[in-house]
Amino acid sequence: PEPSSIDLALVAASLEGPLSAGFANMEVQLHGQDVEAFYRFCLDNPQGVTNDSLRQGGWADQAMVLRVANELLSQGRLSITQISPGQLMYQAIDSHTAAKFRGLEREHMLVFQTIEKAGDKGVWGKGLRDQTGLQQHTCAKVTKELIRRQLVKEVKSVQGRGRKVFMKWDVEPNKSISGGTWYQDGEFATSWIESLRERCLQYMEGQQSRTVTSEDLHLYIQQQPGPSIPTQEELQLIMRSLELEEKVHAVQSVSGQMAFTYNMVYVLRGGTGIGFDTFAGRLPKFLTGLQEASHSLTVPCLLCPLQGECRVGGRISPESCEYMEAWLRKNPSTAEASSVAQASNDRMNDW
């Protein structure tokens, strides 16, 4: 059966053999040093100790073990889990956590154990009542006290609008419950996503002269304040939305890693994040009222993906660039620049 937290007296009463007999003989003398020694032994083994481990550690008297364990249970300093019929797992509870359990009644522990068993998917209020057999008002009172002591918490589920599930305080909700990075408190985090888009775009604006990898972008976002840190894959979804708006270019390297460059045409169209329409550039000018950008500003070097490899006299160079030559021919205002470029080209050839 699946391991579950249990009550010592109930387990001992249901078992046969020396464990049950030892529990019946509760007249054994109990000293405070025995309780503390047993607690320290369990504390030194945070993964838990079994009956066999106790015997090997010198705790062979089952009656003494049960008496000491019962005392620690009453203090909220020990948890016991049944791992198989006749086999128990003892785990010490630190003093801070033990203080949270102090004074709780049986109904509180029953509800807590049920919520604990639900794991990272939690349990609905109705499911909690069905599994514990408690009345609605009792269950509500108990869960309220457990929440006050920060033993359990309520989490909004994306599976049902306005519905909540209960789970342990320190458990991270499953993505099927929380919705993942793009959700906050069960609601789609529109403002957070837009904030991420703006930060990514601002970073790209400051990196216009080079290609930005997914790792560069992720490292930058990690240093920014926010409710959560998206993964590289999630950031690629953000960049994909910017790519669809023609604000960035996406390139996949030979190794398969995504890299991005800032789209200067977006700025030349009057973008800069102010009311840019993705499809406006595809409409006639008399409909949009946009003026064609000056050719002198749209030099092909700004958009060339090979600009990092371009060198004067190199295999990829300005003097042999067909795009530069076509740009110079189209733009009459740069005739003088063309002459200078030609003169430079002649000198290079002479050299």
Protein backbone atom coordinates (compact mmCIF):
# COMPACT_ATOMS: atom_id res chain seq x y z
CA PRO A 1 0.00 0.00 0.00
CA GLU A 2 1.04 3.61 -0.50
CA PRO A 3 2.92 4.93 2.56
CA SER A 4 0.82 7.27 4.67
CA SER A 5 1.14 9.11 7.98
CA ILE A 6 -0.61 7.19 10.77
CA ASP A 7 -1.54 7.25 14.45
CA LEU A 8 0.79 5.10 16.55
CA ALA A 9 -1.89 3.62 18.79
CA LEU A 10 -4.07 2.55 15.86
CA VAL A 11 -1.19 0.91 14.04
CA ALA A 12 0.09 -0.89 17.12
CA ALA A 13 -3.40 -2.15 17.90
CA SER A 14 -3.82 -3.48 14.35
CA LEU A 15 -0.47 -5.30 14.31
CA GLU A 16 0.23 -8.74 15.70
CA GLY A 17 3.38 -9.92 17.41
CA PRO A 18 5.94 -8.19 19.63
CA LEU A 19 5.05 -4.67 18.42
CA SER A 20 1.45 -4.94 19.64
CA ALA A 21 2.44 -6.71 22.82
CA GLY A 22 5.00 -4.02 23.58
CA PHE A 23 2.39 -1.31 23.21
CA ALA A 24 0.13 -3.08 25.66
CA ASN A 25 2.91 -3.08 28.29
CA MET A 26 2.98 0.68 28.82
CA GLU A 27 4.14 0.37 32.42
CA VAL A 28 7.76 0.50 31.25
CA GLN A 29 9.65 3.33 32.97
CA LEU A 30 10.16 6.36 30.71
CA HIS A 31 12.86 8.95 31.28
CA GLY A 32 13.31 12.32 29.65
CA GLN A 33 16.81 11.42 28.47
CA ASP A 34 15.37 8.39 26.63
CA VAL A 35 12.94 10.62 24.75
CA GLU A 36 15.66 13.08 23.77
CA ALA A 37 18.09 10.29 22.79
CA PHE A 38 15.48 8.70 20.52
CA TYR A 39 14.65 12.09 19.00
CA ARG A 40 18.32 12.85 18.28
CA PHE A 41 18.77 9.40 16.74
CA CYS A 42 15.90 10.08 14.34
CA LEU A 43 17.11 13.65 13.74
CA ASP A 44 20.53 12.33 12.68
CA ASN A 45 18.78 10.19 10.04
CA PRO A 46 16.55 12.68 8.18
CA GLN A 47 15.59 10.06 5.60
CA GLY A 48 13.87 8.14 8.43
CA VAL A 49 14.64 5.04 10.47
CA THR A 50 12.89 1.67 10.37
CA ASN A 51 12.42 -0.94 13.08
CA ASP A 52 15.54 -2.74 11.82
CA SER A 53 17.57 0.49 11.96
CA LEU A 54 16.40 1.06 15.53
CA ARG A 55 17.49 -2.43 16.60
CA GLN A 56 20.90 -1.91 15.01
CA GLY A 57 21.16 1.43 16.82
CA GLY A 58 20.54 -0.16 20.22
CA TRP A 59 16.77 0.32 20.47
CA ALA A 60 15.82 -3.33 20.71
CA ASP A 61 13.14 -2.90 23.40
CA GLN A 62 9.93 -2.50 21.38
CA ALA A 63 7.93 -1.44 24.43
CA MET A 64 10.38 1.37 25.09
CA VAL A 65 10.34 2.43 21.41
CA LEU A 66 6.54 2.64 21.38
CA ARG A 67 6.41 4.54 24.67
CA VAL A 68 9.05 7.04 23.53
CA ALA A 69 7.46 7.41 20.07
CA ASN A 70 4.06 8.00 21.65
CA GLU A 71 5.53 10.76 23.83
CA LEU A 72 7.19 12.44 20.84
CA LEU A 73 3.96 12.13 18.85
CA SER A 74 2.06 13.94 21.58
CA GLN A 75 4.67 16.72 21.41
CA GLY A 76 4.39 16.90 17.63
CA ARG A 77 8.12 16.15 17.24
CA LEU A 78 7.81 12.83 15.39
CA SER A 79 5.99 11.49 12.34
CA ILE A 80 5.40 7.80 11.71
CA THR A 81 4.73 6.24 8.32
CA GLN A 82 3.63 2.68 7.65
CA ILE A 83 5.78 1.47 4.74
CA SER A 84 4.53 -2.13 4.81
CA PRO A 85 2.54 -4.39 7.18
CA GLY A 86 4.49 -4.49 10.44
CA GLN A 87 7.09 -1.99 9.23
CA LEU A 88 7.14 1.63 10.40
CA MET A 89 9.26 4.60 9.38
CA TYR A 90 10.11 7.13 12.12
CA GLN A 91 11.10 10.68 11.13
CA ALA A 92 11.99 13.54 13.48
CA ILE A 93 10.25 16.88 13.04
CA ASP A 94 12.35 20.00 13.62
CA SER A 95 11.38 22.29 16.48
CA HIS A 96 10.06 25.06 14.20
CA THR A 97 7.68 22.69 12.42
CA ALA A 98 6.77 20.96 15.67
CA ALA A 99 5.62 24.29 17.12
CA LYS A 100 3.11 24.60 14.28
CA PHE A 101 1.55 21.22 15.17
CA ARG A 102 1.44 21.83 18.91
CA GLY A 103 -2.11 21.79 20.29
CA LEU A 104 -3.77 20.41 17.16
CA GLU A 105 -6.60 17.91 17.61
CA ARG A 106 -7.27 14.65 15.83
CA GLU A 107 -9.45 16.30 13.17
CA HIS A 108 -6.64 18.70 12.29
CA MET A 109 -4.16 15.87 11.82
CA LEU A 110 -6.64 13.87 9.75
CA VAL A 111 -7.20 16.78 7.39
CA PHE A 112 -3.50 17.58 7.22
CA GLN A 113 -2.57 13.99 6.36
CA THR A 114 -5.23 13.87 3.66
CA ILE A 115 -3.92 17.09 2.11
CA GLU A 116 -0.35 15.83 2.43
CA LYS A 117 -1.23 12.67 0.50
CA ALA A 118 -2.68 14.76 -2.36
CA GLY A 119 0.82 16.02 -3.22
CA ASP A 120 1.36 18.81 -5.76
CA LYS A 121 -2.11 18.43 -7.31
CA GLY A 122 -3.92 19.21 -4.07
CA VAL A 123 -7.45 18.22 -3.11
CA TRP A 124 -10.79 20.00 -3.65
CA GLY A 125 -12.89 21.01 -0.67
CA LYS A 126 -15.56 18.43 -1.53
CA GLY A 127 -12.94 15.72 -1.99
CA LEU A 128 -11.46 16.61 1.37
CA ARG A 129 -14.84 16.25 3.09
CA ASP A 130 -15.50 12.92 1.34
CA GLN A 131 -12.14 11.46 2.33
CA THR A 132 -12.19 12.62 5.95
CA GLY A 133 -15.91 12.18 6.62
CA LEU A 134 -16.07 15.58 8.33
CA GLN A 135 -18.99 17.99 8.08
CA GLN A 136 -18.59 21.08 5.93
CA HIS A 137 -18.45 23.56 8.83
CA THR A 138 -15.94 21.38 10.70
CA CYS A 139 -13.75 20.98 7.63
CA ALA A 140 -13.82 24.72 6.97
CA LYS A 141 -12.85 25.48 10.58
CA VAL A 142 -9.98 22.97 10.52
CA THR A 143 -8.54 24.10 7.18
CA LYS A 144 -8.70 27.74 8.32
CA GLU A 145 -6.60 26.89 11.37
CA LEU A 146 -4.10 24.90 9.31
CA ILE A 147 -3.74 27.82 6.89
CA ARG A 148 -3.23 30.21 9.81
CA ARG A 149 -0.39 28.02 11.06
CA GLN A 150 1.12 27.90 7.54
CA LEU A 151 0.82 24.13 7.35
CA VAL A 152 -1.43 24.13 4.26
CA LYS A 153 -2.41 26.70 1.65
CA GLU A 154 -5.16 27.38 -0.86
CA VAL A 155 -4.18 27.49 -4.54
CA LYS A 156 -6.38 28.77 -7.36
CA SER A 157 -6.68 26.15 -10.06
CA VAL A 158 -6.75 26.98 -13.77
CA GLN A 159 -8.93 23.92 -14.28
CA GLY A 160 -11.93 25.55 -12.65
CA ARG A 161 -12.55 29.28 -12.52
CA GLY A 162 -12.79 30.49 -8.94
CA ARG A 163 -12.16 27.03 -7.51
CA LYS A 164 -9.31 26.34 -5.12
CA VAL A 165 -7.43 23.27 -3.95
CA PHE A 166 -5.64 22.63 -0.68
CA MET A 167 -2.02 21.46 -0.53
CA LYS A 168 0.91 21.53 1.87
CA TRP A 169 2.40 24.94 2.51
CA ASP A 170 5.85 24.13 1.09
CA VAL A 171 4.67 22.19 -1.98
CA GLU A 172 5.05 23.75 -5.43
CA PRO A 173 1.77 23.34 -7.36
CA ASN A 174 1.74 21.12 -10.42
CA LYS A 175 1.58 22.99 -13.75
CA SER A 176 -1.82 21.43 -14.42
CA ILE A 177 -3.03 23.34 -11.35
CA SER A 178 -1.04 26.60 -11.44
CA GLY A 179 -0.88 26.94 -15.24
CA GLY A 180 2.90 27.46 -15.17
CA THR A 181 4.84 30.69 -15.74
CA TRP A 182 2.13 32.46 -17.73
CA TYR A 183 -0.43 32.28 -14.88
CA GLN A 184 -0.57 34.04 -11.52
CA ASP A 185 -3.13 33.12 -8.87
CA GLY A 186 -5.08 31.09 -11.44
CA GLU A 187 -5.35 34.03 -13.88
CA PHE A 188 -3.56 34.54 -17.18
CA ALA A 189 -0.73 37.01 -16.41
CA THR A 190 -1.27 39.48 -19.27
CA SER A 191 0.62 42.36 -17.63
CA TRP A 192 3.57 40.11 -16.73
CA ILE A 193 3.83 38.79 -20.28
CA GLU A 194 3.70 42.30 -21.73
CA SER A 195 6.39 43.37 -19.26
CA LEU A 196 8.60 40.50 -20.45
CA ARG A 197 8.05 41.52 -24.08
CA GLU A 198 9.08 45.10 -23.32
CA ARG A 199 12.21 44.01 -21.44
CA CYS A 200 13.26 41.66 -24.24
CA LEU A 201 12.73 44.39 -26.82
CA GLN A 202 14.68 46.95 -24.75
CA TYR A 203 17.55 44.49 -24.45
CA MET A 204 17.52 43.90 -28.21
CA GLU A 205 17.55 47.66 -28.85
CA GLY A 206 20.76 47.90 -26.83
CA GLN A 207 22.33 45.04 -28.80
CA GLN A 208 21.72 46.27 -32.35
CA SER A 209 25.30 45.66 -33.41
CA ARG A 210 25.35 41.94 -32.60
CA THR A 211 23.36 38.74 -32.58
CA VAL A 212 21.77 37.77 -29.26
CA THR A 213 21.48 34.12 -28.24
CA SER A 214 18.76 32.56 -26.09
CA GLU A 215 21.29 32.15 -23.29
CA ASP A 216 22.21 35.87 -23.38
CA LEU A 217 18.56 36.82 -23.18
CA HIS A 218 17.80 34.36 -20.38
CA LEU A 219 20.76 35.62 -18.33
CA TYR A 220 19.50 39.19 -18.72
CA ILE A 221 15.92 38.33 -17.68
CA GLN A 222 17.21 36.43 -14.63
CA GLN A 223 18.72 39.68 -13.36
CA GLN A 224 15.43 41.57 -13.70
CA PRO A 225 12.79 41.70 -10.93
CA GLY A 226 9.59 39.76 -11.46
CA PRO A 227 7.19 37.21 -9.95
CA SER A 228 8.98 34.32 -11.67
CA ILE A 229 11.83 33.51 -14.06
CA PRO A 230 10.81 31.99 -17.40
CA THR A 231 12.87 29.21 -18.94
CA GLN A 232 14.80 29.62 -22.20
CA GLU A 233 12.03 27.77 -24.04
CA GLU A 234 9.41 30.13 -22.61
CA LEU A 235 11.51 33.16 -23.57
CA GLN A 236 11.67 31.84 -27.11
CA LEU A 237 7.87 32.02 -27.18
CA ILE A 238 8.12 35.67 -26.14
CA MET A 239 10.66 36.32 -28.90
CA ARG A 240 8.45 34.49 -31.37
CA SER A 241 5.66 36.99 -30.67
CA LEU A 242 8.12 39.85 -31.33
CA GLU A 243 9.23 38.14 -34.50
CA LEU A 244 5.65 37.92 -35.74
CA GLU A 245 5.38 41.67 -35.18
CA GLU A 246 8.56 42.10 -37.26
CA LYS A 247 10.43 43.70 -34.37
CA VAL A 248 13.19 41.08 -34.33
CA HIS A 249 14.67 38.48 -36.68
CA ALA A 250 15.15 34.89 -35.52
CA VAL A 251 17.99 32.70 -36.82
CA GLN A 252 18.75 29.08 -35.93
CA SER A 253 22.42 28.18 -35.76
CA VAL A 254 23.98 24.96 -37.02
CA SER A 255 23.91 23.60 -33.45
CA GLY A 256 20.16 24.25 -33.29
CA GLN A 257 20.36 27.18 -30.86
CA MET A 258 18.08 30.14 -31.53
CA ALA A 259 19.62 33.59 -32.00
CA PHE A 260 17.96 36.96 -32.56
CA THR A 261 18.79 40.29 -34.19
CA TYR A 262 17.01 43.61 -33.86
CA ASN A 263 14.97 44.67 -36.91
CA MET A 264 16.07 48.18 -37.86
CA VAL A 265 13.26 48.44 -40.43
CA TYR A 266 10.83 48.41 -37.51
CA VAL A 267 12.40 51.65 -36.20
CA LEU A 268 12.49 53.25 -39.65
CA ARG A 269 8.77 52.63 -40.03
CA GLY A 270 8.20 54.74 -36.94
CA GLY A 271 7.90 51.76 -34.59
CA THR A 272 9.89 52.29 -31.40
CA GLY A 273 6.99 50.55 -29.69
CA ILE A 274 4.39 53.28 -30.48
CA GLY A 275 1.30 51.92 -32.20
CA PHE A 276 3.10 49.86 -34.84
CA ASP A 277 0.79 47.81 -37.03
CA THR A 278 2.33 44.59 -38.35
CA PHE A 279 0.36 44.71 -41.59
CA ALA A 280 0.53 48.47 -42.18
CA GLY A 281 3.78 48.13 -44.12
CA ARG A 282 2.02 45.92 -46.65
CA LEU A 283 -0.67 48.52 -47.47
CA PRO A 284 -0.40 51.32 -50.07
CA LYS A 285 1.01 54.62 -48.78
CA PHE A 286 -2.16 56.55 -49.60
CA LEU A 287 -4.02 54.30 -47.10
CA THR A 288 -1.50 54.37 -44.26
CA GLY A 289 -0.08 57.87 -44.73
CA LEU A 290 3.40 56.50 -44.04
CA GLN A 291 6.25 58.09 -45.92
CA GLU A 292 8.86 55.85 -47.45
CA ALA A 293 12.04 55.89 -45.43
CA SER A 294 15.05 57.57 -46.94
CA HIS A 295 17.35 55.17 -48.78
CA SER A 296 20.28 56.85 -47.14
CA LEU A 297 19.07 55.46 -43.80
CA THR A 298 18.31 51.93 -44.94
CA VAL A 299 21.87 50.96 -45.78
CA PRO A 300 21.90 47.17 -46.29
CA CYS A 301 24.74 46.71 -43.80
CA LEU A 302 22.32 47.35 -40.90
CA LEU A 303 20.22 44.33 -41.81
CA CYS A 304 22.91 42.04 -43.19
CA PRO A 305 23.26 38.82 -41.17
CA LEU A 306 26.90 38.55 -42.32
CA GLN A 307 28.00 41.96 -41.04
CA GLY A 308 30.12 40.30 -38.35
CA GLU A 309 32.18 38.52 -41.04
CA CYS A 310 32.44 41.47 -43.44
CA ARG A 311 35.98 42.86 -43.72
CA VAL A 312 37.69 45.18 -46.21
CA GLY A 313 39.66 42.94 -48.54
CA GLY A 314 38.10 39.79 -47.10
CA ARG A 315 36.08 37.04 -48.74
CA ILE A 316 32.96 38.95 -47.65
CA SER A 317 33.71 42.66 -48.13
CA PRO A 318 31.95 45.98 -48.92
CA GLU A 319 33.73 46.35 -52.26
CA SER A 320 32.40 43.00 -53.53
CA CYS A 321 28.92 43.28 -51.97
CA GLU A 322 26.21 43.12 -54.64
CA TYR A 323 23.63 44.48 -52.19
CA MET A 324 25.74 47.56 -51.52
CA GLU A 325 26.22 48.10 -55.25
CA ALA A 326 22.48 47.80 -55.93
CA TRP A 327 21.71 50.19 -53.06
CA LEU A 328 24.12 52.79 -54.40
CA ARG A 329 22.60 52.56 -57.89
CA LYS A 330 19.05 53.02 -56.54
CA ASN A 331 19.87 56.04 -54.41
CA PRO A 332 20.87 59.09 -56.51
CA SER A 333 21.50 61.16 -53.37
CA THR A 334 24.52 59.00 -52.60
CA ALA A 335 26.29 59.54 -55.95
CA GLU A 336 29.15 61.28 -54.21
CA ALA A 337 29.42 58.44 -51.70
CA SER A 338 29.41 56.02 -54.61
CA SER A 339 32.33 57.82 -56.23
CA VAL A 340 34.28 57.69 -53.00
CA ALA A 341 33.49 54.01 -52.65
CA GLN A 342 34.61 53.37 -56.23
CA ALA A 343 37.85 55.26 -55.64
CA SER A 344 38.45 53.22 -52.51
CA ASN A 345 37.71 50.07 -54.46
CA ASP A 346 40.24 51.03 -57.14
CA ARG A 347 42.89 51.65 -54.54
CA MET A 348 42.15 48.30 -52.96
CA ASN A 349 42.48 46.58 -56.33
CA ASP A 350 45.77 48.37 -56.97
CA TRP A 351 47.02 47.19 -53.58
